[in-house]
C-alpha atoms as a PDB file:
ATOM      1  CA  ASN A   1      14.528  37.536  56.217  1.00  0.00           C
ATOM      2  CA  GLU A   2      12.687  39.893  54.446  1.00  0.00           C
ATOM      3  CA  PRO A   3      14.554  42.132  52.740  1.00  0.00           C
ATOM      4  CA  ILE A   4      16.406  39.793  51.162  1.00  0.00           C
ATOM      5  CA  LEU A   5      13.797  38.209  49.356  1.00  0.00           C
ATOM      6  CA  GLU A   6      12.263  41.288  47.478  1.00  0.00           C
ATOM      7  CA  HIS A   7      15.735  41.728  46.582  1.00  0.00           C
ATOM      8  CA  ASN A   8      15.348  37.821  44.548  1.00  0.00           C
ATOM      9  CA  ASP A   9      12.452  39.483  43.423  1.00  0.00           C
ATOM     10  CA  ASP A  10      13.839  42.128  41.804  1.00  0.00           C
ATOM     11  CA  PHE A  11      16.785  40.371  40.531  1.00  0.00           C
ATOM     12  CA  ASP A  12      14.170  37.333  39.040  1.00  0.00           C
ATOM     13  CA  SER A  13      12.314  40.210  37.255  1.00  0.00           C
ATOM     14  CA  ASP A  14      15.696  41.929  35.988  1.00  0.00           C
ATOM     15  CA  SER A  15      17.022  38.815  34.221  1.00  0.00           C
ATOM     16  CA  GLN A  16      13.393  38.324  32.774  1.00  0.00           C
ATOM     17  CA  GLU A  17      13.679  41.403  31.147  1.00  0.00           C
ATOM     18  CA  ASP A  18      16.896  41.032  29.887  1.00  0.00           C
ATOM     19  CA  ALA A  19      16.953  37.629  28.072  1.00  0.00           C
ATOM     20  CA  LEU A  20      13.248  39.537  27.048  1.00  0.00           C
ATOM     21  CA  ASN A  21      16.111  41.946  25.639  1.00  0.00           C
ATOM     22  CA  PHE A  22      18.411  39.719  24.534  1.00  0.00           C
ATOM     23  CA  ASP A  23      15.706  37.497  22.855  1.00  0.00           C
ATOM     24  CA  THR A  24      14.831  40.796  21.083  1.00  0.00           C
ATOM     25  CA  TYR A  25      18.776  41.420  19.945  1.00  0.00           C
ATOM     26  CA  ILE A  26      19.105  37.774  18.908  1.00  0.00           C
ATOM     27  CA  LEU A  27      15.705  38.121  16.838  1.00  0.00           C
ATOM     28  CA  ASN A  28      16.663  41.333  15.159  1.00  0.00           C
ATOM     29  CA  ARG A  29      20.585  40.204  14.444  1.00  0.00           C
ATOM     30  CA  LEU A  30      19.097  37.114  12.601  1.00  0.00           C
ATOM     31  CA  THR A  31      16.918  39.438  10.456  1.00  0.00           C
ATOM     32  CA  GLU A  32      19.932  41.507   9.996  1.00  0.00           C
ATOM     33  CA  LEU A  33      21.244  38.710   8.899  1.00  0.00           C
ATOM     34  CA  ASP A  34      19.122  36.987   6.668  1.00  0.00           C
ATOM     35  CA  SER A  35      18.134  40.276   4.985  1.00  0.00           C
ATOM     36  CA  ALA A  36      21.990  40.539   4.472  1.00  0.00           C
ATOM     37  CA  ASN A  37      22.285  37.254   3.200  1.00  0.00           C
ATOM     38  CA  CYS A  38      19.580  37.515   0.831  1.00  0.00           C
ATOM     39  CA  GLU A  39      20.739  40.903  -0.202  1.00  0.00           C
ATOM     40  CA  ILE A  40      24.089  38.702  -1.167  1.00  0.00           C
ATOM     41  CA  MET A  41      22.731  35.773  -2.280  1.00  0.00           C
ATOM     42  CA  SER A  42      20.628  38.078  -4.654  1.00  0.00           C
ATOM     43  CA  ARG A  43      23.686  40.013  -5.821  1.00  0.00           C
ATOM     44  CA  ILE A  44      25.382  37.156  -6.983  1.00  0.00           C
ATOM     45  CA  LEU A  45      22.205  35.275  -8.457  1.00  0.00           C
ATOM     46  CA  SER A  46      22.490  39.075 -11.122  1.00  0.00           C
ATOM     47  CA  ARG A  47      26.083  38.022 -11.418  1.00  0.00           C
ATOM     48  CA  VAL A  48      26.313  34.220 -12.200  1.00  0.00           C
ATOM     49  CA  SER A  49      23.469  34.971 -14.346  1.00  0.00           C
ATOM     50  CA  GLY A  50      25.041  36.969 -17.310  1.00  0.00           C
ATOM     51  CA  LYS A  51      27.512  33.863 -17.632  1.00  0.00           C
ATOM     52  CA  GLU A  52      25.426  30.889 -17.126  1.00  0.00           C
ATOM     53  CA  HIS A  53      26.874  30.556 -21.113  1.00  0.00           C
ATOM     54  CA  GLU A  54      30.893  31.049 -20.208  1.00  0.00           C
ATOM     55  CA  ILE A  55      29.589  28.811 -16.569  1.00  0.00           C
ATOM     56  CA  LYS A  56      27.966  25.903 -19.066  1.00  0.00           C
ATOM     57  CA  ASP A  57      31.304  26.246 -21.043  1.00  0.00           C
ATOM     58  CA  GLU A  58      33.761  26.309 -18.358  1.00  0.00           C
ATOM     59  CA  VAL A  59      31.607  22.883 -16.928  1.00  0.00           C
ATOM     60  CA  ASP A  60      31.497  21.036 -20.471  1.00  0.00           C
ATOM     61  CA  ARG A  61      35.259  21.497 -20.337  1.00  0.00           C
ATOM     62  CA  ILE A  62      36.070  20.327 -16.940  1.00  0.00           C
ATOM     63  CA  LEU A  63      33.948  17.199 -18.135  1.00  0.00           C
ATOM     64  CA  ALA A  64      35.610  17.079 -21.859  1.00  0.00           C
ATOM     65  CA  ALA A  65      38.893  17.025 -20.011  1.00  0.00           C
ATOM     66  CA  GLU A  66      38.032  14.014 -17.183  1.00  0.00           C
ATOM     67  CA  LEU A  67      37.270  12.609 -20.422  1.00  0.00           C
ATOM     68  CA  GLU A  68      40.836  12.636 -22.192  1.00  0.00           C
ATOM     69  CA  ILE A  69      42.330  12.490 -18.793  1.00  0.00           C
ATOM     70  CA  SER A  70      40.334   8.661 -18.183  1.00  0.00           C
ATOM     71  CA  ALA A  71      41.125   8.111 -21.944  1.00  0.00           C
ATOM     72  CA  ALA A  72      44.507   8.510 -21.289  1.00  0.00           C
ATOM     73  CA  THR A  73      44.337   6.504 -18.408  1.00  0.00           C
ATOM     74  CA  MET A  74      42.912   4.008 -20.407  1.00  0.00           C
ATOM     75  CA  TYR A  75      45.614   4.287 -22.788  1.00  0.00           C
ATOM     76  CA  ILE A  76      48.204   4.099 -20.345  1.00  0.00           C
ATOM     77  CA  GLN A  77      47.516   1.199 -19.528  1.00  0.00           C
ATOM     78  CA  SER A  78      46.939  -0.898 -22.782  1.00  0.00           C
ATOM     79  CA  GLY A  79      50.154   0.692 -23.423  1.00  0.00           C
ATOM     80  CA  ARG A  80      51.907  -0.999 -20.223  1.00  0.00           C
ATOM     81  CA  GLU A  81      50.394  -4.102 -21.456  1.00  0.00           C
ATOM     82  CA  PHE A  82      51.457  -3.889 -25.029  1.00  0.00           C
ATOM     83  CA  LEU A  83      54.812  -3.186 -23.805  1.00  0.00           C
ATOM     84  CA  ARG A  84      55.324  -6.299 -21.284  1.00  0.00           C
ATOM     85  CA  ARG A  85      54.152  -8.443 -24.185  1.00  0.00           C
ATOM     86  CA  ALA A  86      56.679  -6.763 -26.936  1.00  0.00           C
ATOM     87  CA  ILE A  87      59.733  -7.483 -23.827  1.00  0.00           C
ATOM     88  CA  ARG A  88      57.798 -10.854 -23.403  1.00  0.00           C
ATOM     89  CA  GLY A  89      56.348 -12.215 -25.732  1.00  0.00           C
ATOM     90  CA  TYR A  90      52.483 -13.615 -25.478  1.00  0.00           C
ATOM     91  CA  THR A  91      51.387 -17.169 -26.258  1.00  0.00           C
ATOM     92  CA  THR A  92      49.278 -17.856 -29.742  1.00  0.00           C
ATOM     93  CA  ASN A  93      47.549 -20.947 -31.038  1.00  0.00           C
ATOM     94  CA  ASP A  94      48.342 -22.111 -34.464  1.00  0.00           C
ATOM     95  CA  CYS A  95      46.572 -25.654 -35.424  1.00  0.00           C
ATOM     96  CA  GLY A  96      46.891 -26.203 -31.358  1.00  0.00           C
ATOM     97  CA  ASN A  97      50.332 -25.999 -30.915  1.00  0.00           C
ATOM     98  CA  ASP A  98      51.613 -23.334 -28.807  1.00  0.00           C
ATOM     99  CA  ILE A  99      53.608 -20.578 -29.917  1.00  0.00           C
ATOM    100  CA  ILE A 100      55.314 -17.484 -28.119  1.00  0.00           C
ATOM    101  CA  HIS A 101      54.549 -14.959 -30.639  1.00  0.00           C
ATOM    102  CA  ASN A 102      57.552 -12.211 -29.812  1.00  0.00           C
ATOM    103  CA  PRO A 103      55.935  -8.376 -31.837  1.00  0.00           C
ATOM    104  CA  VAL A 104      59.623  -7.338 -32.011  1.00  0.00           C
ATOM    105  CA  THR A 105      60.986  -9.985 -34.419  1.00  0.00           C
ATOM    106  CA  GLY A 106      57.399  -9.432 -36.487  1.00  0.00           C
ATOM    107  CA  GLY A 107      56.986  -5.915 -36.461  1.00  0.00           C
ATOM    108  CA  LEU A 108      60.632  -6.416 -37.915  1.00  0.00           C
ATOM    109  CA  ASP A 109      59.055  -8.561 -40.475  1.00  0.00           C
ATOM    110  CA  VAL A 110      56.514  -7.136 -41.311  1.00  0.00           C
ATOM    111  CA  LEU A 111      59.210  -4.523 -42.199  1.00  0.00           C
ATOM    112  CA  ARG A 112      60.473  -6.406 -44.435  1.00  0.00           C
ATOM    113  CA  LEU A 113      57.865  -7.453 -46.636  1.00  0.00           C
ATOM    114  CA  ALA A 114      56.983  -3.883 -46.783  1.00  0.00           C
ATOM    115  CA  ASP A 115      59.858  -3.101 -47.699  1.00  0.00           C
ATOM    116  CA  GLN A 116      60.090  -6.145 -50.430  1.00  0.00           C
ATOM    117  CA  GLN A 117      56.729  -4.874 -51.763  1.00  0.00           C
ATOM    118  CA  ASP A 118      58.090  -1.710 -52.172  1.00  0.00           C
ATOM    119  CA  LYS A 119      60.904  -3.856 -54.212  1.00  0.00           C
ATOM    120  CA  ILE A 120      58.060  -5.833 -56.100  1.00  0.00           C
ATOM    121  CA  ARG A 121      56.174  -2.863 -57.133  1.00  0.00           C
ATOM    122  CA  SER A 122      59.304  -0.857 -58.223  1.00  0.00           C
ATOM    123  CA  LEU A 123      59.950  -3.691 -60.540  1.00  0.00           C
ATOM    124  CA  LEU A 124      56.475  -4.311 -61.677  1.00  0.00           C
ATOM    125  CA  ASP A 125      56.388  -0.129 -62.440  1.00  0.00           C
ATOM    126  CA  VAL A 126      59.493  -0.968 -64.527  1.00  0.00           C
ATOM    127  CA  VAL A 127      57.992  -3.602 -66.568  1.00  0.00           C
ATOM    128  CA  ASP A 128      55.254  -1.633 -67.675  1.00  0.00           C
ATOM    129  CA  ARG A 129      57.310   0.844 -68.971  1.00  0.00           C
ATOM    130  CA  ILE A 130      59.648  -1.035 -70.451  1.00  0.00           C
ATOM    131  CA  ILE A 131      56.405  -3.257 -72.133  1.00  0.00           C
ATOM    132  CA  ALA A 132      55.329   0.615 -73.817  1.00  0.00           C
ATOM    133  CA  ILE A 133      58.238   1.186 -74.852  1.00  0.00           C
ATOM    134  CA  ARG A 134      58.435  -1.760 -76.832  1.00  0.00           C
ATOM    135  CA  PHE A 135      54.815  -0.827 -78.003  1.00  0.00           C
ATOM    136  CA  GLN A 136      55.228   1.580 -79.438  1.00  0.00           C
ATOM    137  CA  GLU A 137      58.745   0.708 -81.313  1.00  0.00           C
ATOM    138  CA  ALA A 138      56.072  -2.495 -82.722  1.00  0.00           C
ATOM    139  CA  THR A 139      54.068   0.574 -83.547  1.00  0.00           C
ATOM    140  CA  TRP A 140      56.621   1.935 -85.477  1.00  0.00           C
ATOM    141  CA  TRP A 141      57.747  -0.929 -86.917  1.00  0.00           C
ATOM    142  CA  ASP A 142      54.012  -1.235 -88.146  1.00  0.00           C
ATOM    143  CA  GLY A 143      54.315   2.131 -90.228  1.00  0.00           C
ATOM    144  CA  ILE A 144      57.614   0.375 -92.054  1.00  0.00           C
ATOM    145  CA  PRO A 145      56.352  -1.383 -95.035  1.00  0.00           C
ATOM    146  CA  ASN A 146      59.101  -4.511 -96.052  1.00  0.00           C
ATOM    147  CA  THR A 147      60.804  -3.343 -99.322  1.00  0.00           C
ATOM    148  CA  THR A 148      62.721  -6.798 -99.068  1.00  0.00           C
ATOM    149  CA  VAL A 149      59.591  -8.631 -99.717  1.00  0.00           C
ATOM    150  CA  PHE A 150      57.834  -5.865-102.044  1.00  0.00           C
ATOM    151  CA  PRO A 151      60.085  -3.255-103.449  1.00  0.00           C
ATOM    152  CA  GLN A 152      57.604  -1.194-104.796  1.00  0.00           C
ATOM    153  CA  ASN A 153      55.764  -0.419-101.710  1.00  0.00           C
ATOM    154  CA  VAL A 154      57.606   2.981-100.536  1.00  0.00           C
ATOM    155  CA  VAL A 155      56.474   5.073 -97.768  1.00  0.00           C
ATOM    156  CA  PRO A 156      54.667   8.471 -98.928  1.00  0.00           C
ATOM    157  CA  PHE A 157      57.077  11.538 -98.748  1.00  0.00           C
ATOM    158  CA  ASN A 158      54.786  13.024 -96.940  1.00  0.00           C
ATOM    159  CA  ARG A 159      54.644  10.791 -93.971  1.00  0.00           C
ATOM    160  CA  PHE A 160      58.430  11.105 -93.184  1.00  0.00           C
ATOM    161  CA  HIS A 161      58.262  14.070 -90.738  1.00  0.00           C
ATOM    162  CA  SER A 162      56.019  12.268 -88.343  1.00  0.00           C
ATOM    163  CA  PHE A 163      57.708   9.406 -88.712  1.00  0.00           C
ATOM    164  CA  VAL A 164      61.440  11.297 -87.917  1.00  0.00           C
ATOM    165  CA  ASP A 165      58.834  12.636 -84.921  1.00  0.00           C
ATOM    166  CA  GLU A 166      58.330   9.147 -83.254  1.00  0.00           C
ATOM    167  CA  THR A 167      61.618   8.008 -83.932  1.00  0.00           C
ATOM    168  CA  ARG A 168      63.135  11.165 -82.048  1.00  0.00           C
ATOM    169  CA  ARG A 169      60.759  10.214 -79.330  1.00  0.00           C
ATOM    170  CA  LEU A 170      60.933   6.465 -78.711  1.00  0.00           C
ATOM    171  CA  ILE A 171      65.089   7.468 -78.728  1.00  0.00           C
ATOM    172  CA  GLU A 172      64.268   9.892 -75.584  1.00  0.00           C
ATOM    173  CA  THR A 173      62.122   7.992 -74.273  1.00  0.00           C
ATOM    174  CA  ALA A 174      64.647   4.474 -74.301  1.00  0.00           C
ATOM    175  CA  HIS A 175      67.446   6.776 -73.270  1.00  0.00           C
ATOM    176  CA  ALA A 176      65.359   8.668 -70.692  1.00  0.00           C
ATOM    177  CA  GLU A 177      64.508   4.699 -68.952  1.00  0.00           C
ATOM    178  CA  GLU A 178      67.896   3.734 -66.550  1.00  0.00           C
ATOM    179  CA  VAL A 179      66.920  -0.100 -66.926  1.00  0.00           C
ATOM    180  CA  ILE A 180      67.197  -0.335 -70.709  1.00  0.00           C
ATOM    181  CA  CYS A 181      70.430   1.820 -70.673  1.00  0.00           C
ATOM    182  CA  HIS A 182      71.710  -0.388 -68.592  1.00  0.00           C
ATOM    183  CA  ILE A 183      70.396  -4.176 -67.905  1.00  0.00           C
ATOM    184  CA  ASP A 184      72.395  -6.880 -70.442  1.00  0.00           C
ATOM    185  CA  CYS A 185      69.682  -7.976 -71.449  1.00  0.00           C
ATOM    186  CA  LEU A 186      67.770  -5.315 -73.437  1.00  0.00           C
ATOM    187  CA  GLN A 187      71.070  -4.489 -75.648  1.00  0.00           C
ATOM    188  CA  SER A 188      69.202  -6.132 -77.870  1.00  0.00           C
ATOM    189  CA  MET A 189      66.059  -3.781 -77.538  1.00  0.00           C
ATOM    190  CA  ARG A 190      68.991  -1.032 -77.093  1.00  0.00           C
ATOM    191  CA  ASP A 191      70.459  -1.477 -80.525  1.00  0.00           C
ATOM    192  CA  ARG A 192      67.249  -2.459 -82.355  1.00  0.00           C
ATOM    193  CA  ILE A 193      66.247   1.405 -80.943  1.00  0.00           C
ATOM    194  CA  ASN A 194      68.992   3.406 -81.472  1.00  0.00           C
ATOM    195  CA  GLY A 195      69.493   1.564 -85.375  1.00  0.00           C
ATOM    196  CA  LEU A 196      65.413   3.550 -86.483  1.00  0.00           C
ATOM    197  CA  PRO A 197      67.495   6.473 -87.665  1.00  0.00           C
ATOM    198  CA  GLU A 198      68.787   4.175 -90.316  1.00  0.00           C
ATOM    199  CA  VAL A 199      66.002   2.188 -91.574  1.00  0.00           C
ATOM    200  CA  LEU A 200      64.579   5.910 -91.512  1.00  0.00           C
ATOM    201  CA  MET A 201      66.885   7.012 -93.316  1.00  0.00           C
ATOM    202  CA  CYS A 202      67.260   3.689 -95.756  1.00  0.00           C
ATOM    203  CA  CYS A 203      63.403   4.299 -96.684  1.00  0.00           C
ATOM    204  CA  ILE A 204      63.817   7.517 -97.353  1.00  0.00           C
ATOM    205  CA  GLN A 205      66.437   6.461 -99.471  1.00  0.00           C
ATOM    206  CA  SER A 206      63.827   3.738-101.441  1.00  0.00           C
ATOM    207  CA  THR A 207      61.286   6.259-101.575  1.00  0.00           C
ATOM    208  CA  PHE A 208      63.706   8.669-103.566  1.00  0.00           C
ATOM    209  CA  ALA A 209      64.777   5.480-105.830  1.00  0.00           C
ATOM    210  CA  ASN A 210      61.815   5.556-106.450  1.00  0.00           C
ATOM    211  CA  PHE A 211      60.999   9.253-106.800  1.00  0.00           C
ATOM    212  CA  VAL A 212      64.456   9.902-109.389  1.00  0.00           C
ATOM    213  CA  SER A 213      62.548   6.696-111.788  1.00  0.00           C
ATOM    214  CA  ARG A 214      59.450   8.343-111.810  1.00  0.00           C
ATOM    215  CA  ILE A 215      60.652  11.290-112.886  1.00  0.00           C
ATOM    216  CA  LEU A 216      63.382   9.858-115.550  1.00  0.00           C
ATOM    217  CA  THR A 217      60.136   7.261-116.794  1.00  0.00           C
ATOM    218  CA  ALA A 218      57.935  10.594-116.598  1.00  0.00           C
ATOM    219  CA  LYS A 219      57.087  11.382-120.695  1.00  0.00           C
ATOM    220  CA  ARG A 220      55.796  14.482-119.938  1.00  0.00           C
ATOM    221  CA  LEU A 221      57.478  17.546-117.206  1.00  0.00           C
ATOM    222  CA  SER A 222      55.002  20.307-117.365  1.00  0.00           C
ATOM    223  CA  GLU A 223      55.816  23.338-114.915  1.00  0.00           C
ATOM    224  CA  GLU A 224      53.096  21.688-112.020  1.00  0.00           C
ATOM    225  CA  SER A 225      55.004  18.241-111.823  1.00  0.00           C
ATOM    226  CA  LEU A 226      57.873  20.138-111.149  1.00  0.00           C
ATOM    227  CA  ASP A 227      56.942  22.269-109.018  1.00  0.00           C
ATOM    228  CA  GLN A 228      55.698  19.173-107.675  1.00  0.00           C
ATOM    229  CA  TYR A 229      58.427  17.519-107.577  1.00  0.00           C
ATOM    230  CA  PHE A 230      60.760  19.757-105.770  1.00  0.00           C
ATOM    231  CA  CYS A 231      58.299  19.963-102.785  1.00  0.00           C
ATOM    232  CA  GLU A 232      58.967  16.652-102.904  1.00  0.00           C
ATOM    233  CA  TYR A 233      62.661  16.888-103.165  1.00  0.00           C
ATOM    234  CA  GLN A 234      62.480  19.152-100.827  1.00  0.00           C
ATOM    235  CA  THR A 235      60.706  17.093 -97.848  1.00  0.00           C
ATOM    236  CA  LEU A 236      62.626  14.140 -98.115  1.00  0.00           C
ATOM    237  CA  LEU A 237      65.251  15.853 -98.016  1.00  0.00           C
ATOM    238  CA  GLN A 238      64.567  17.683 -94.836  1.00  0.00           C
ATOM    239  CA  ALA A 239      63.323  14.098 -93.301  1.00  0.00           C
ATOM    240  CA  TRP A 240      66.744  12.380 -94.392  1.00  0.00           C
ATOM    241  CA  ILE A 241      69.347  15.382 -92.624  1.00  0.00           C
ATOM    242  CA  GLU A 242      66.760  15.152 -89.843  1.00  0.00           C
ATOM    243  CA  ALA A 243      67.155  11.117 -89.677  1.00  0.00           C
ATOM    244  CA  PHE A 244      70.612  11.396 -89.646  1.00  0.00           C
ATOM    245  CA  SER A 245      70.963  13.844 -86.673  1.00  0.00           C
ATOM    246  CA  LEU A 246      69.221  11.458 -84.648  1.00  0.00           C
ATOM    247  CA  ILE A 247      72.394   8.891 -85.424  1.00  0.00           C
ATOM    248  CA  GLU A 248      75.015   8.744 -82.026  1.00  0.00           C
ATOM    249  CA  ASN A 249      78.712   9.500 -83.447  1.00  0.00           C
ATOM    250  CA  GLU A 250      77.417  11.616 -86.424  1.00  0.00           C
ATOM    251  CA  ARG A 251      78.731  14.817 -87.024  1.00  0.00           C
ATOM    252  CA  ALA A 252      76.772  17.010 -89.009  1.00  0.00           C
ATOM    253  CA  ASP A 253      79.420  17.970 -91.772  1.00  0.00           C
ATOM    254  CA  ASP A 254      79.179  14.140 -92.774  1.00  0.00           C
ATOM    255  CA  ALA A 255      75.460  14.604 -93.530  1.00  0.00           C
ATOM    256  CA  ALA A 256      75.824  16.506 -96.801  1.00  0.00           C
ATOM    257  CA  THR A 257      78.850  13.859 -98.480  1.00  0.00           C
ATOM    258  CA  LYS A 258      76.884  11.176 -97.248  1.00  0.00           C
ATOM    259  CA  TRP A 259      73.729  12.439 -98.847  1.00  0.00           C
ATOM    260  CA  THR A 260      75.937  13.087-101.787  1.00  0.00           C
ATOM    261  CA  GLY A 261      76.733   9.273-101.985  1.00  0.00           C
ATOM    262  CA  CYS A 262      73.038   8.418-101.727  1.00  0.00           C
ATOM    263  CA  VAL A 263      72.009  10.248-104.877  1.00  0.00           C
ATOM    264  CA  LEU A 264      75.145   8.870-106.697  1.00  0.00           C
ATOM    265  CA  GLU A 265      74.113   5.431-106.101  1.00  0.00           C
ATOM    266  CA  VAL A 266      70.656   5.850-107.272  1.00  0.00           C
ATOM    267  CA  PHE A 267      71.461   7.559-110.955  1.00  0.00           C
ATOM    268  CA  SER A 268      74.021   4.805-110.711  1.00  0.00           C
ATOM    269  CA  PHE A 269      71.450   2.333-110.408  1.00  0.00           C
ATOM    270  CA  GLU A 270      68.839   3.537-113.129  1.00  0.00           C
ATOM    271  CA  ILE A 271      72.078   4.243-115.536  1.00  0.00           C
ATOM    272  CA  SER A 272      72.980   0.388-114.968  1.00  0.00           C
ATOM    273  CA  LYS A 273      68.954   0.112-115.472  1.00  0.00           C
ATOM    274  CA  ALA A 274      69.074   2.363-118.386  1.00  0.00           C
ATOM    275  CA  LEU A 275      72.236   0.494-120.306  1.00  0.00           C
ATOM    276  CA  PRO A 276      70.855  -3.226-121.594  1.00  0.00           C
ATOM    277  CA  SER A 277      67.874  -0.758-122.622  1.00  0.00           C
ATOM    278  CA  ALA A 278      70.440   0.922-124.634  1.00  0.00           C
ATOM    279  CA  ALA A 279      71.975  -1.861-126.266  1.00  0.00           C
END
């Protein structure tokens, strides 16, 4: 038995030595792993520390994406609810009465009302333009003296160029307005505006008749007065031709013939006034 006991003691001592060696190995291994872990973490931190702003930006983007996803989810849920109401309608209370409102027909009513509103707005714009043209016409007539009531009132010859320009602008504005050209109730307005050149020609002829009368009754004609008369005649003739060109369906070749007839009428009238005096 004694050798066996001695062998057991040797075995126990060897086991203890092996245990100590294993613990030492484990301790050294853990130390190495801890050192490696510290090294790895230090390198990770060194790499991360240079990209803090990038990481923060990416985190912010992720949070923003989550918010957008949440908002999209909320919009989808509300859209489903609106779609359900659009299909089935929903109940509203009007003066104590429950009414099933249909958004589809309501939307069509909104479109119809919007179209009517646009038409009314366009109509009001047309009315404003017609009123503006009527105001221009009234201003034009205010500048023309009433020779029927006061025959001695004639337009000064130096104002006819501005009258011709105003008449041309008024006719062009009226012809550019489609409503004036096609609506029957504005036929009288069209006729008045188209007849403005003839009215202007009558005013020019009245001024020309007054011009001839002043020459025939002048006691003395100096060279200076003749130059003034010539300038006045030239202005009246040019204004008359420009007014004649504004008349529709009139040929330019007829201007000379009609002006000659106007001159003959004026001289015939002056001769008829002079005959009783001579007698």
